[in-house]
PDB file of all heavy atoms in Angstrom:
ATOM      1  N   GLU A   1     112.677 199.193 -17.184  1.00  0.00           N
ATOM      2  CA  GLU A   1     112.898 200.408 -16.414  1.00  0.00           C
ATOM      3  C   GLU A   1     112.962 201.589 -17.368  1.00  0.00           C
ATOM      4  O   GLU A   1     113.655 201.545 -18.387  1.00  0.00           O
ATOM      5  CB  GLU A   1     114.205 200.303 -15.615  1.00  0.00           C
ATOM      6  CG  GLU A   1     114.187 199.232 -14.523  1.00  0.00           C
ATOM      7  CD  GLU A   1     113.175 199.510 -13.439  1.00  0.00           C
ATOM      8  OE1 GLU A   1     112.855 200.700 -13.222  1.00  0.00           O
ATOM      9  OE2 GLU A   1     112.689 198.545 -12.821  1.00  0.00           O
ATOM     10  N   LEU A   2     112.228 202.641 -17.040  1.00  0.00           N
ATOM     11  CA  LEU A   2     112.242 203.825 -17.887  1.00  0.00           C
ATOM     12  C   LEU A   2     113.597 204.515 -17.806  1.00  0.00           C
ATOM     13  O   LEU A   2     114.169 204.654 -16.732  1.00  0.00           O
ATOM     14  CB  LEU A   2     111.140 204.796 -17.441  1.00  0.00           C
ATOM     15  CG  LEU A   2     109.712 204.312 -17.703  1.00  0.00           C
ATOM     16  CD1 LEU A   2     108.742 205.150 -16.914  1.00  0.00           C
ATOM     17  CD2 LEU A   2     109.389 204.367 -19.168  1.00  0.00           C
ATOM     18  N   PRO A   3     114.169 204.945 -18.924  1.00  0.00           N
ATOM     19  CA  PRO A   3     115.483 205.589 -18.943  1.00  0.00           C
ATOM     20  C   PRO A   3     115.470 206.940 -18.246  1.00  0.00           C
ATOM     21  O   PRO A   3     114.462 207.645 -18.251  1.00  0.00           O
ATOM     22  CB  PRO A   3     115.777 205.739 -20.438  1.00  0.00           C
ATOM     23  CG  PRO A   3     114.439 205.772 -21.076  1.00  0.00           C
ATOM     24  CD  PRO A   3     113.568 204.861 -20.259  1.00  0.00           C
ATOM     25  N   MET A   4     116.582 207.300 -17.631  1.00  0.00           N
ATOM     26  CA  MET A   4     116.715 208.579 -16.943  1.00  0.00           C
ATOM     27  C   MET A   4     117.192 209.624 -17.935  1.00  0.00           C
ATOM     28  O   MET A   4     118.381 209.906 -18.069  1.00  0.00           O
ATOM     29  CB  MET A   4     117.702 208.444 -15.770  1.00  0.00           C
ATOM     30  CG  MET A   4     117.281 207.440 -14.723  1.00  0.00           C
ATOM     31  SD  MET A   4     115.705 207.901 -13.926  1.00  0.00           S
ATOM     32  CE  MET A   4     116.193 209.394 -13.078  1.00  0.00           C
ATOM     33  N   GLN A   5     116.244 210.186 -18.666  1.00  0.00           N
ATOM     34  CA  GLN A   5     116.576 211.221 -19.635  1.00  0.00           C
ATOM     35  C   GLN A   5     115.316 212.008 -19.948  1.00  0.00           C
ATOM     36  O   GLN A   5     114.279 211.796 -19.338  1.00  0.00           O
ATOM     37  CB  GLN A   5     117.128 210.595 -20.914  1.00  0.00           C
ATOM     38  CG  GLN A   5     116.084 209.749 -21.679  1.00  0.00           C
ATOM     39  CD  GLN A   5     116.505 209.465 -23.100  1.00  0.00           C
ATOM     40  OE1 GLN A   5     117.552 208.923 -23.316  1.00  0.00           O
ATOM     41  NE2 GLN A   5     115.674 209.843 -24.046  1.00  0.00           N
ATOM     42  N   ASP A   6     115.424 212.930 -20.873  1.00  0.00           N
ATOM     43  CA  ASP A   6     114.269 213.718 -21.280  1.00  0.00           C
ATOM     44  C   ASP A   6     113.189 212.785 -21.819  1.00  0.00           C
ATOM     45  O   ASP A   6     113.392 212.109 -22.836  1.00  0.00           O
ATOM     46  CB  ASP A   6     114.687 214.713 -22.372  1.00  0.00           C
ATOM     47  CG  ASP A   6     113.544 215.642 -22.776  1.00  0.00           C
ATOM     48  OD1 ASP A   6     112.395 215.376 -22.373  1.00  0.00           O
ATOM     49  OD2 ASP A   6     113.813 216.621 -23.484  1.00  0.00           O
ATOM     50  N   PRO A   7     112.024 212.696 -21.132  1.00  0.00           N
ATOM     51  CA  PRO A   7     110.986 211.755 -21.564  1.00  0.00           C
ATOM     52  C   PRO A   7     110.344 212.113 -22.896  1.00  0.00           C
ATOM     53  O   PRO A   7     109.592 211.323 -23.451  1.00  0.00           O
ATOM     54  CB  PRO A   7     109.963 211.834 -20.421  1.00  0.00           C
ATOM     55  CG  PRO A   7     110.162 213.180 -19.830  1.00  0.00           C
ATOM     56  CD  PRO A   7     111.630 213.449 -19.944  1.00  0.00           C
ATOM     57  N   LEU A   8     110.618 213.313 -23.412  1.00  0.00           N
ATOM     58  CA  LEU A   8     110.058 213.683 -24.708  1.00  0.00           C
ATOM     59  C   LEU A   8     110.873 213.110 -25.857  1.00  0.00           C
ATOM     60  O   LEU A   8     110.447 213.117 -26.998  1.00  0.00           O
ATOM     61  CB  LEU A   8     109.992 215.211 -24.832  1.00  0.00           C
ATOM     62  CG  LEU A   8     109.068 215.921 -23.829  1.00  0.00           C
ATOM     63  CD1 LEU A   8     109.097 217.421 -24.065  1.00  0.00           C
ATOM     64  CD2 LEU A   8     107.644 215.407 -23.949  1.00  0.00           C
ATOM     65  N   ILE A   9     112.071 212.623 -25.556  1.00  0.00           N
ATOM     66  CA  ILE A   9     112.944 212.061 -26.575  1.00  0.00           C
ATOM     67  C   ILE A   9     113.008 210.557 -26.368  1.00  0.00           C
ATOM     68  O   ILE A   9     113.473 210.077 -25.337  1.00  0.00           O
ATOM     69  CB  ILE A   9     114.363 212.664 -26.506  1.00  0.00           C
ATOM     70  CG1 ILE A   9     114.295 214.185 -26.672  1.00  0.00           C
ATOM     71  CG2 ILE A   9     115.268 212.038 -27.567  1.00  0.00           C
ATOM     72  CD1 ILE A   9     115.643 214.871 -26.488  1.00  0.00           C
ATOM     73  N   ASP A  10     112.534 209.802 -27.331  1.00  0.00           N
ATOM     74  CA  ASP A  10     112.507 208.352 -27.193  1.00  0.00           C
ATOM     75  C   ASP A  10     113.896 207.749 -27.304  1.00  0.00           C
ATOM     76  O   ASP A  10     114.667 208.069 -28.218  1.00  0.00           O
ATOM     77  CB  ASP A  10     111.571 207.740 -28.242  1.00  0.00           C
ATOM     78  CG  ASP A  10     110.108 207.981 -27.890  1.00  0.00           C
ATOM     79  OD1 ASP A  10     109.790 207.953 -26.691  1.00  0.00           O
ATOM     80  OD2 ASP A  10     109.304 208.211 -28.804  1.00  0.00           O
ATOM     81  N   ASP A  11     114.202 206.886 -26.374  1.00  0.00           N
ATOM     82  CA  ASP A  11     115.498 206.241 -26.287  1.00  0.00           C
ATOM     83  C   ASP A  11     115.458 204.917 -27.062  1.00  0.00           C
ATOM     84  O   ASP A  11     114.586 204.076 -26.824  1.00  0.00           O
ATOM     85  CB  ASP A  11     115.825 205.989 -24.809  1.00  0.00           C
ATOM     86  CG  ASP A  11     117.150 205.312 -24.613  1.00  0.00           C
ATOM     87  OD1 ASP A  11     118.159 206.020 -24.567  1.00  0.00           O
ATOM     88  OD2 ASP A  11     117.161 204.071 -24.501  1.00  0.00           O
ATOM     89  N   GLU A  12     116.402 204.713 -27.960  1.00  0.00           N
ATOM     90  CA  GLU A  12     116.390 203.523 -28.817  1.00  0.00           C
ATOM     91  C   GLU A  12     116.542 202.243 -28.006  1.00  0.00           C
ATOM     92  O   GLU A  12     115.906 201.224 -28.298  1.00  0.00           O
ATOM     93  CB  GLU A  12     117.505 203.621 -29.862  1.00  0.00           C
ATOM     94  CG  GLU A  12     117.253 204.669 -30.930  1.00  0.00           C
ATOM     95  CD  GLU A  12     115.984 204.389 -31.731  1.00  0.00           C
ATOM     96  OE1 GLU A  12     115.691 203.208 -31.991  1.00  0.00           O
ATOM     97  OE2 GLU A  12     115.281 205.350 -32.083  1.00  0.00           O
ATOM     98  N   ALA A  13     117.384 202.278 -26.972  1.00  0.00           N
ATOM     99  CA  ALA A  13     117.578 201.084 -26.143  1.00  0.00           C
ATOM    100  C   ALA A  13     116.280 200.732 -25.406  1.00  0.00           C
ATOM    101  O   ALA A  13     115.914 199.560 -25.292  1.00  0.00           O
ATOM    102  CB  ALA A  13     118.707 201.313 -25.142  1.00  0.00           C
ATOM    103  N   TYR A  14     115.595 201.760 -24.926  1.00  0.00           N
ATOM    104  CA  TYR A  14     114.329 201.537 -24.232  1.00  0.00           C
ATOM    105  C   TYR A  14     113.296 200.949 -25.186  1.00  0.00           C
ATOM    106  O   TYR A  14     112.572 200.010 -24.848  1.00  0.00           O
ATOM    107  CB  TYR A  14     113.804 202.846 -23.643  1.00  0.00           C
ATOM    108  CG  TYR A  14     112.405 202.743 -23.100  1.00  0.00           C
ATOM    109  CD1 TYR A  14     112.157 202.114 -21.882  1.00  0.00           C
ATOM    110  CD2 TYR A  14     111.321 203.242 -23.821  1.00  0.00           C
ATOM    111  CE1 TYR A  14     110.875 201.999 -21.399  1.00  0.00           C
ATOM    112  CE2 TYR A  14     110.028 203.131 -23.334  1.00  0.00           C
ATOM    113  CZ  TYR A  14     109.813 202.508 -22.119  1.00  0.00           C
ATOM    114  OH  TYR A  14     108.533 202.388 -21.645  1.00  0.00           O
ATOM    115  N   LEU A  15     113.222 201.503 -26.390  1.00  0.00           N
ATOM    116  CA  LEU A  15     112.251 201.002 -27.361  1.00  0.00           C
ATOM    117  C   LEU A  15     112.537 199.552 -27.732  1.00  0.00           C
ATOM    118  O   LEU A  15     111.619 198.752 -27.932  1.00  0.00           O
ATOM    119  CB  LEU A  15     112.263 201.883 -28.607  1.00  0.00           C
ATOM    120  CG  LEU A  15     111.700 203.300 -28.439  1.00  0.00           C
ATOM    121  CD1 LEU A  15     111.826 204.078 -29.742  1.00  0.00           C
ATOM    122  CD2 LEU A  15     110.246 203.264 -27.985  1.00  0.00           C
ATOM    123  N   ALA A  16     113.826 199.201 -27.806  1.00  0.00           N
ATOM    124  CA  ALA A  16     114.188 197.822 -28.136  1.00  0.00           C
ATOM    125  C   ALA A  16     113.718 196.867 -27.034  1.00  0.00           C
ATOM    126  O   ALA A  16     113.179 195.786 -27.308  1.00  0.00           O
ATOM    127  CB  ALA A  16     115.699 197.713 -28.327  1.00  0.00           C
ATOM    128  N   LYS A  17     113.908 197.272 -25.772  1.00  0.00           N
ATOM    129  CA  LYS A  17     113.468 196.441 -24.654  1.00  0.00           C
ATOM    130  C   LYS A  17     111.947 196.355 -24.617  1.00  0.00           C
ATOM    131  O   LYS A  17     111.380 195.311 -24.309  1.00  0.00           O
ATOM    132  CB  LYS A  17     113.998 197.014 -23.343  1.00  0.00           C
ATOM    133  CG  LYS A  17     115.509 196.880 -23.172  1.00  0.00           C
ATOM    134  CD  LYS A  17     115.969 197.487 -21.851  1.00  0.00           C
ATOM    135  CE  LYS A  17     117.472 197.371 -21.694  1.00  0.00           C
ATOM    136  NZ  LYS A  17     117.942 197.985 -20.413  1.00  0.00           N
ATOM    137  N   LEU A  18     111.302 197.468 -24.920  1.00  0.00           N
ATOM    138  CA  LEU A  18     109.841 197.492 -24.932  1.00  0.00           C
ATOM    139  C   LEU A  18     109.301 196.505 -25.963  1.00  0.00           C
ATOM    140  O   LEU A  18     108.370 195.748 -25.695  1.00  0.00           O
ATOM    141  CB  LEU A  18     109.357 198.911 -25.235  1.00  0.00           C
ATOM    142  CG  LEU A  18     107.845 199.173 -25.224  1.00  0.00           C
ATOM    143  CD1 LEU A  18     107.570 200.620 -24.838  1.00  0.00           C
ATOM    144  CD2 LEU A  18     107.226 198.887 -26.594  1.00  0.00           C
ATOM    145  N   LYS A  19     109.897 196.511 -27.145  1.00  0.00           N
ATOM    146  CA  LYS A  19     109.448 195.606 -28.200  1.00  0.00           C
ATOM    147  C   LYS A  19     109.658 194.145 -27.799  1.00  0.00           C
ATOM    148  O   LYS A  19     108.842 193.278 -28.119  1.00  0.00           O
ATOM    149  CB  LYS A  19     110.182 195.913 -29.502  1.00  0.00           C
ATOM    150  CG  LYS A  19     109.772 197.245 -30.124  1.00  0.00           C
ATOM    151  CD  LYS A  19     110.580 197.543 -31.383  1.00  0.00           C
ATOM    152  CE  LYS A  19     110.177 198.883 -31.990  1.00  0.00           C
ATOM    153  NZ  LYS A  19     110.976 199.211 -33.192  1.00  0.00           N
ATOM    154  N   GLN A  20     110.760 193.882 -27.073  1.00  0.00           N
ATOM    155  CA  GLN A  20     111.015 192.526 -26.616  1.00  0.00           C
ATOM    156  C   GLN A  20     109.953 192.087 -25.611  1.00  0.00           C
ATOM    157  O   GLN A  20     109.438 190.965 -25.686  1.00  0.00           O
ATOM    158  CB  GLN A  20     112.398 192.430 -25.968  1.00  0.00           C
ATOM    159  CG  GLN A  20     112.763 191.021 -25.500  1.00  0.00           C
ATOM    160  CD  GLN A  20     114.137 190.955 -24.868  1.00  0.00           C
ATOM    161  OE1 GLN A  20     114.899 191.925 -24.909  1.00  0.00           O
ATOM    162  NE2 GLN A  20     114.465 189.831 -24.271  1.00  0.00           N
ATOM    163  N   GLU A  21     109.604 192.977 -24.686  1.00  0.00           N
ATOM    164  CA  GLU A  21     108.564 192.672 -23.710  1.00  0.00           C
ATOM    165  C   GLU A  21     107.221 192.474 -24.400  1.00  0.00           C
ATOM    166  O   GLU A  21     106.454 191.575 -24.042  1.00  0.00           O
ATOM    167  CB  GLU A  21     108.452 193.796 -22.690  1.00  0.00           C
ATOM    168  CG  GLU A  21     107.454 193.496 -21.575  1.00  0.00           C
ATOM    169  CD  GLU A  21     107.259 194.674 -20.653  1.00  0.00           C
ATOM    170  OE1 GLU A  21     106.461 195.562 -20.991  1.00  0.00           O
ATOM    171  OE2 GLU A  21     107.905 194.707 -19.588  1.00  0.00           O
ATOM    172  N   LEU A  22     106.960 193.298 -25.413  1.00  0.00           N
ATOM    173  CA  LEU A  22     105.711 193.192 -26.156  1.00  0.00           C
ATOM    174  C   LEU A  22     105.627 191.860 -26.889  1.00  0.00           C
ATOM    175  O   LEU A  22     104.576 191.203 -26.896  1.00  0.00           O
ATOM    176  CB  LEU A  22     105.598 194.350 -27.148  1.00  0.00           C
ATOM    177  CG  LEU A  22     104.331 194.419 -28.001  1.00  0.00           C
ATOM    178  CD1 LEU A  22     103.089 194.513 -27.118  1.00  0.00           C
ATOM    179  CD2 LEU A  22     104.398 195.610 -28.951  1.00  0.00           C
ATOM    180  N   ARG A  23     106.732 191.434 -27.487  1.00  0.00           N
ATOM    181  CA  ARG A  23     106.745 190.137 -28.185  1.00  0.00           C
ATOM    182  C   ARG A  23     106.480 188.988 -27.219  1.00  0.00           C
ATOM    183  O   ARG A  23     105.786 188.029 -27.559  1.00  0.00           O
ATOM    184  CB  ARG A  23     108.083 189.946 -28.904  1.00  0.00           C
ATOM    185  CG  ARG A  23     108.228 190.751 -30.195  1.00  0.00           C
ATOM    186  CD  ARG A  23     109.428 190.283 -31.004  1.00  0.00           C
ATOM    187  NE  ARG A  23     110.668 190.579 -30.326  1.00  0.00           N
ATOM    188  CZ  ARG A  23     111.374 191.704 -30.489  1.00  0.00           C
ATOM    189  NH1 ARG A  23     110.929 192.645 -31.309  1.00  0.00           N
ATOM    190  NH2 ARG A  23     112.508 191.898 -29.845  1.00  0.00           N
ATOM    191  N   GLN A  24     107.053 189.070 -26.016  1.00  0.00           N
ATOM    192  CA  GLN A  24     106.829 188.029 -25.016  1.00  0.00           C
ATOM    193  C   GLN A  24     105.361 187.972 -24.606  1.00  0.00           C
ATOM    194  O   GLN A  24     104.786 186.888 -24.434  1.00  0.00           O
ATOM    195  CB  GLN A  24     107.719 188.289 -23.798  1.00  0.00           C
ATOM    196  CG  GLN A  24     109.200 188.075 -24.064  1.00  0.00           C
ATOM    197  CD  GLN A  24     110.069 188.490 -22.886  1.00  0.00           C
ATOM    198  OE1 GLN A  24     109.632 189.186 -21.970  1.00  0.00           O
ATOM    199  NE2 GLN A  24     111.324 188.057 -22.890  1.00  0.00           N
ATOM    200  N   TRP A  25     104.749 189.143 -24.446  1.00  0.00           N
ATOM    201  CA  TRP A  25     103.330 189.203 -24.099  1.00  0.00           C
ATOM    202  C   TRP A  25     102.482 188.615 -25.213  1.00  0.00           C
ATOM    203  O   TRP A  25     101.545 187.841 -24.956  1.00  0.00           O
ATOM    204  CB  TRP A  25     102.929 190.656 -23.840  1.00  0.00           C
ATOM    205  CG  TRP A  25     101.475 190.847 -23.553  1.00  0.00           C
ATOM    206  CD1 TRP A  25     100.827 190.605 -22.375  1.00  0.00           C
ATOM    207  CD2 TRP A  25     100.471 191.313 -24.471  1.00  0.00           C
ATOM    208  NE1 TRP A  25      99.486 190.898 -22.491  1.00  0.00           N
ATOM    209  CE2 TRP A  25      99.236 191.340 -23.767  1.00  0.00           C
ATOM    210  CE3 TRP A  25     100.498 191.723 -25.800  1.00  0.00           C
ATOM    211  CZ2 TRP A  25      98.050 191.747 -24.362  1.00  0.00           C
ATOM    212  CZ3 TRP A  25      99.304 192.128 -26.391  1.00  0.00           C
ATOM    213  CH2 TRP A  25      98.103 192.141 -25.673  1.00  0.00           C
ATOM    214  N   MET A  26     102.800 188.959 -26.453  1.00  0.00           N
ATOM    215  CA  MET A  26     102.037 188.454 -27.590  1.00  0.00           C
ATOM    216  C   MET A  26     102.169 186.941 -27.705  1.00  0.00           C
ATOM    217  O   MET A  26     101.191 186.241 -28.020  1.00  0.00           O
ATOM    218  CB  MET A  26     102.519 189.134 -28.872  1.00  0.00           C
ATOM    219  CG  MET A  26     102.221 190.628 -28.927  1.00  0.00           C
ATOM    220  SD  MET A  26     102.972 191.474 -30.341  1.00  0.00           S
ATOM    221  CE  MET A  26     102.033 190.734 -31.693  1.00  0.00           C
ATOM    222  N   LYS A  27     103.353 186.428 -27.446  1.00  0.00           N
ATOM    223  CA  LYS A  27     103.569 184.983 -27.495  1.00  0.00           C
ATOM    224  C   LYS A  27     102.709 184.277 -26.456  1.00  0.00           C
ATOM    225  O   LYS A  27     102.120 183.216 -26.725  1.00  0.00           O
ATOM    226  CB  LYS A  27     105.046 184.670 -27.254  1.00  0.00           C
ATOM    227  CG  LYS A  27     105.401 183.196 -27.391  1.00  0.00           C
ATOM    228  CD  LYS A  27     106.899 182.976 -27.213  1.00  0.00           C
ATOM    229  CE  LYS A  27     107.257 181.499 -27.361  1.00  0.00           C
ATOM    230  NZ  LYS A  27     108.725 181.279 -27.182  1.00  0.00           N
ATOM    231  N   ALA A  28     102.594 184.882 -25.277  1.00  0.00           N
ATOM    232  CA  ALA A  28     101.772 184.297 -24.214  1.00  0.00           C
ATOM    233  C   ALA A  28     100.297 184.285 -24.604  1.00  0.00           C
ATOM    234  O   ALA A  28      99.557 183.363 -24.238  1.00  0.00           O
ATOM    235  CB  ALA A  28     101.977 185.074 -22.916  1.00  0.00           C
ATOM    236  N   GLN A  29      99.858 185.307 -25.350  1.00  0.00           N
ATOM    237  CA  GLN A  29      98.451 185.376 -25.763  1.00  0.00           C
ATOM    238  C   GLN A  29      98.096 184.273 -26.752  1.00  0.00           C
ATOM    239  O   GLN A  29      96.943 183.844 -26.833  1.00  0.00           O
ATOM    240  CB  GLN A  29      98.145 186.744 -26.394  1.00  0.00           C
ATOM    241  CG  GLN A  29      98.417 187.942 -25.509  1.00  0.00           C
ATOM    242  CD  GLN A  29      97.788 187.834 -24.148  1.00  0.00           C
ATOM    243  OE1 GLN A  29      96.588 187.618 -24.012  1.00  0.00           O
ATOM    244  NE2 GLN A  29      98.607 187.978 -23.113  1.00  0.00           N
ATOM    245  N   GLU A  30      99.078 183.807 -27.502  1.00  0.00           N
ATOM    246  CA  GLU A  30      98.837 182.802 -28.531  1.00  0.00           C
ATOM    247  C   GLU A  30      98.747 181.384 -27.957  1.00  0.00           C
ATOM    248  O   GLU A  30      98.269 180.475 -28.628  1.00  0.00           O
ATOM    249  CB  GLU A  30      99.950 182.851 -29.579  1.00  0.00           C
ATOM    250  CG  GLU A  30      99.989 184.138 -30.393  1.00  0.00           C
ATOM    251  CD  GLU A  30      98.889 184.217 -31.438  1.00  0.00           C
ATOM    252  OE1 GLU A  30      98.066 183.275 -31.507  1.00  0.00           O
ATOM    253  OE2 GLU A  30      98.863 185.209 -32.192  1.00  0.00           O
ATOM    254  N   LYS A  31      99.214 181.207 -26.732  1.00  0.00           N
ATOM    255  CA  LYS A  31      99.220 179.872 -26.147  1.00  0.00           C
ATOM    256  C   LYS A  31      97.803 179.412 -25.819  1.00  0.00           C
ATOM    257  O   LYS A  31      96.949 180.210 -25.450  1.00  0.00           O
ATOM    258  CB  LYS A  31     100.075 179.855 -24.878  1.00  0.00           C
ATOM    259  CG  LYS A  31     101.569 180.045 -25.130  1.00  0.00           C
ATOM    260  CD  LYS A  31     102.345 179.986 -23.822  1.00  0.00           C
ATOM    261  CE  LYS A  31     103.833 180.145 -24.069  1.00  0.00           C
ATOM    262  NZ  LYS A  31     104.611 180.121 -22.793  1.00  0.00           N
ATOM    263  N   GLY A  32      97.576 178.113 -25.957  1.00  0.00           N
ATOM    264  CA  GLY A  32      96.269 177.559 -25.616  1.00  0.00           C
ATOM    265  C   GLY A  32      96.113 177.431 -24.117  1.00  0.00           C
ATOM    266  O   GLY A  32      97.051 177.692 -23.349  1.00  0.00           O
ATOM    267  N   PRO A  33      94.919 177.050 -23.653  1.00  0.00           N
ATOM    268  CA  PRO A  33      94.694 176.906 -22.213  1.00  0.00           C
ATOM    269  C   PRO A  33      95.553 175.801 -21.612  1.00  0.00           C
ATOM    270  O   PRO A  33      95.701 174.733 -22.197  1.00  0.00           O
ATOM    271  CB  PRO A  33      93.197 176.571 -22.128  1.00  0.00           C
ATOM    272  CG  PRO A  33      92.855 176.002 -23.474  1.00  0.00           C
ATOM    273  CD  PRO A  33      93.736 176.713 -24.449  1.00  0.00           C
ATOM    274  N   THR A  34      96.117 176.083 -20.458  1.00  0.00           N
ATOM    275  CA  THR A  34      96.922 175.093 -19.749  1.00  0.00           C
ATOM    276  C   THR A  34      96.005 174.188 -18.937  1.00  0.00           C
ATOM    277  O   THR A  34      94.794 174.435 -18.799  1.00  0.00           O
ATOM    278  CB  THR A  34      97.919 175.786 -18.808  1.00  0.00           C
ATOM    279  OG1 THR A  34      97.179 176.511 -17.797  1.00  0.00           O
ATOM    280  CG2 THR A  34      98.811 176.763 -19.573  1.00  0.00           C
ATOM    281  N   LEU A  35      96.587 173.131 -18.367  1.00  0.00           N
ATOM    282  CA  LEU A  35      95.809 172.256 -17.494  1.00  0.00           C
ATOM    283  C   LEU A  35      95.280 173.038 -16.294  1.00  0.00           C
ATOM    284  O   LEU A  35      94.155 172.801 -15.842  1.00  0.00           O
ATOM    285  CB  LEU A  35      96.679 171.084 -17.024  1.00  0.00           C
ATOM    286  CG  LEU A  35      97.060 170.053 -18.090  1.00  0.00           C
ATOM    287  CD1 LEU A  35      98.000 169.007 -17.496  1.00  0.00           C
ATOM    288  CD2 LEU A  35      95.807 169.382 -18.655  1.00  0.00           C
ATOM    289  N   MET A  36      96.081 174.000 -15.814  1.00  0.00           N
ATOM    290  CA  MET A  36      95.642 174.828 -14.698  1.00  0.00           C
ATOM    291  C   MET A  36      94.454 175.697 -15.101  1.00  0.00           C
ATOM    292  O   MET A  36      93.514 175.877 -14.322  1.00  0.00           O
ATOM    293  CB  MET A  36      96.798 175.703 -14.223  1.00  0.00           C
ATOM    294  CG  MET A  36      96.460 176.578 -13.014  1.00  0.00           C
ATOM    295  SD  MET A  36      95.993 175.606 -11.556  1.00  0.00           S
ATOM    296  CE  MET A  36      97.589 174.895 -11.125  1.00  0.00           C
ATOM    297  N   ASP A  37      94.503 176.234 -16.336  1.00  0.00           N
ATOM    298  CA  ASP A  37      93.382 177.038 -16.829  1.00  0.00           C
ATOM    299  C   ASP A  37      92.100 176.210 -16.869  1.00  0.00           C
ATOM    300  O   ASP A  37      91.027 176.676 -16.472  1.00  0.00           O
ATOM    301  CB  ASP A  37      93.681 177.580 -18.230  1.00  0.00           C
ATOM    302  CG  ASP A  37      94.776 178.628 -18.232  1.00  0.00           C
ATOM    303  OD1 ASP A  37      94.925 179.334 -17.234  1.00  0.00           O
ATOM    304  OD2 ASP A  37      95.487 178.728 -19.259  1.00  0.00           O
ATOM    305  N   LYS A  38      92.223 174.983 -17.371  1.00  0.00           N
ATOM    306  CA  LYS A  38      91.051 174.106 -17.486  1.00  0.00           C
ATOM    307  C   LYS A  38      90.516 173.739 -16.114  1.00  0.00           C
ATOM    308  O   LYS A  38      89.296 173.718 -15.891  1.00  0.00           O
ATOM    309  CB  LYS A  38      91.416 172.848 -18.281  1.00  0.00           C
ATOM    310  CG  LYS A  38      91.775 173.126 -19.738  1.00  0.00           C
ATOM    311  CD  LYS A  38      92.192 171.851 -20.455  1.00  0.00           C
ATOM    312  CE  LYS A  38      92.559 172.141 -21.918  1.00  0.00           C
ATOM    313  NZ  LYS A  38      93.011 170.909 -22.628  1.00  0.00           N
ATOM    314  N   TRP A  39      91.426 173.461 -15.185  1.00  0.00           N
ATOM    315  CA  TRP A  39      91.002 173.125 -13.828  1.00  0.00           C
ATOM    316  C   TRP A  39      90.307 174.310 -13.175  1.00  0.00           C
ATOM    317  O   TRP A  39      89.250 174.154 -12.540  1.00  0.00           O
ATOM    318  CB  TRP A  39      92.209 172.710 -12.998  1.00  0.00           C
ATOM    319  CG  TRP A  39      91.868 172.471 -11.550  1.00  0.00           C
ATOM    320  CD1 TRP A  39      91.382 171.324 -10.989  1.00  0.00           C
ATOM    321  CD2 TRP A  39      91.957 173.432 -10.483  1.00  0.00           C
ATOM    322  NE1 TRP A  39      91.160 171.511  -9.640  1.00  0.00           N
ATOM    323  CE2 TRP A  39      91.512 172.792  -9.291  1.00  0.00           C
ATOM    324  CE3 TRP A  39      92.384 174.754 -10.415  1.00  0.00           C
ATOM    325  CZ2 TRP A  39      91.477 173.444  -8.067  1.00  0.00           C
ATOM    326  CZ3 TRP A  39      92.350 175.400  -9.183  1.00  0.00           C
ATOM    327  CH2 TRP A  39      91.903 174.756  -8.031  1.00  0.00           C
ATOM    328  N   ALA A  40      90.890 175.501 -13.356  1.00  0.00           N
ATOM    329  CA  ALA A  40      90.318 176.707 -12.758  1.00  0.00           C
ATOM    330  C   ALA A  40      88.930 176.982 -13.317  1.00  0.00           C
ATOM    331  O   ALA A  40      88.018 177.390 -12.587  1.00  0.00           O
ATOM    332  CB  ALA A  40      91.242 177.899 -13.003  1.00  0.00           C
ATOM    333  N   SER A  41      88.766 176.759 -14.629  1.00  0.00           N
ATOM    334  CA  SER A  41      87.476 177.002 -15.265  1.00  0.00           C
ATOM    335  C   SER A  41      86.401 176.081 -14.689  1.00  0.00           C
ATOM    336  O   SER A  41      85.283 176.513 -14.392  1.00  0.00           O
ATOM    337  CB  SER A  41      87.601 176.786 -16.778  1.00  0.00           C
ATOM    338  OG  SER A  41      86.363 177.005 -17.410  1.00  0.00           O
ATOM    339  N   LYS A  42      86.745 174.809 -14.517  1.00  0.00           N
ATOM    340  CA  LYS A  42      85.788 173.856 -13.956  1.00  0.00           C
ATOM    341  C   LYS A  42      85.464 174.196 -12.505  1.00  0.00           C
ATOM    342  O   LYS A  42      84.312 174.108 -12.074  1.00  0.00           O
ATOM    343  CB  LYS A  42      86.348 172.439 -14.053  1.00  0.00           C
ATOM    344  CG  LYS A  42      86.428 171.893 -15.476  1.00  0.00           C
ATOM    345  CD  LYS A  42      86.972 170.472 -15.482  1.00  0.00           C
ATOM    346  CE  LYS A  42      87.040 169.921 -16.914  1.00  0.00           C
ATOM    347  NZ  LYS A  42      87.597 168.538 -16.937  1.00  0.00           N
ATOM    348  N   THR A  43      86.493 174.587 -11.770  1.00  0.00           N
ATOM    349  CA  THR A  43      86.296 174.931 -10.361  1.00  0.00           C
ATOM    350  C   THR A  43      85.436 176.166 -10.217  1.00  0.00           C
ATOM    351  O   THR A  43      84.546 176.237  -9.356  1.00  0.00           O
ATOM    352  CB  THR A  43      87.658 175.157  -9.673  1.00  0.00           C
ATOM    353  OG1 THR A  43      88.479 174.004  -9.850  1.00  0.00           O
ATOM    354  CG2 THR A  43      87.471 175.416  -8.184  1.00  0.00           C
ATOM    355  N   GLN A  44      85.670 177.156 -11.076  1.00  0.00           N
ATOM    356  CA  GLN A  44      84.875 178.377 -11.039  1.00  0.00           C
ATOM    357  C   GLN A  44      83.411 178.078 -11.350  1.00  0.00           C
ATOM    358  O   GLN A  44      82.508 178.624 -10.717  1.00  0.00           O
ATOM    359  CB  GLN A  44      85.433 179.393 -12.036  1.00  0.00           C
ATOM    360  CG  GLN A  44      86.743 180.021 -11.588  1.00  0.00           C
ATOM    361  CD  GLN A  44      87.420 180.801 -12.695  1.00  0.00           C
ATOM    362  OE1 GLN A  44      86.907 180.911 -13.797  1.00  0.00           O
ATOM    363  NE2 GLN A  44      88.587 181.344 -12.400  1.00  0.00           N
TER     364      GLN A  44
END
């Protein structure tokens, strides 16, 4: 959630949460294809 403050001033708590979300996204990108991915690919 974006902090309720002057949007021109970056909030440290917001940046910390953003980095955590970014790390989670990056971790997901590193994962190999799941069984569902393989099934979907064959079905497609």
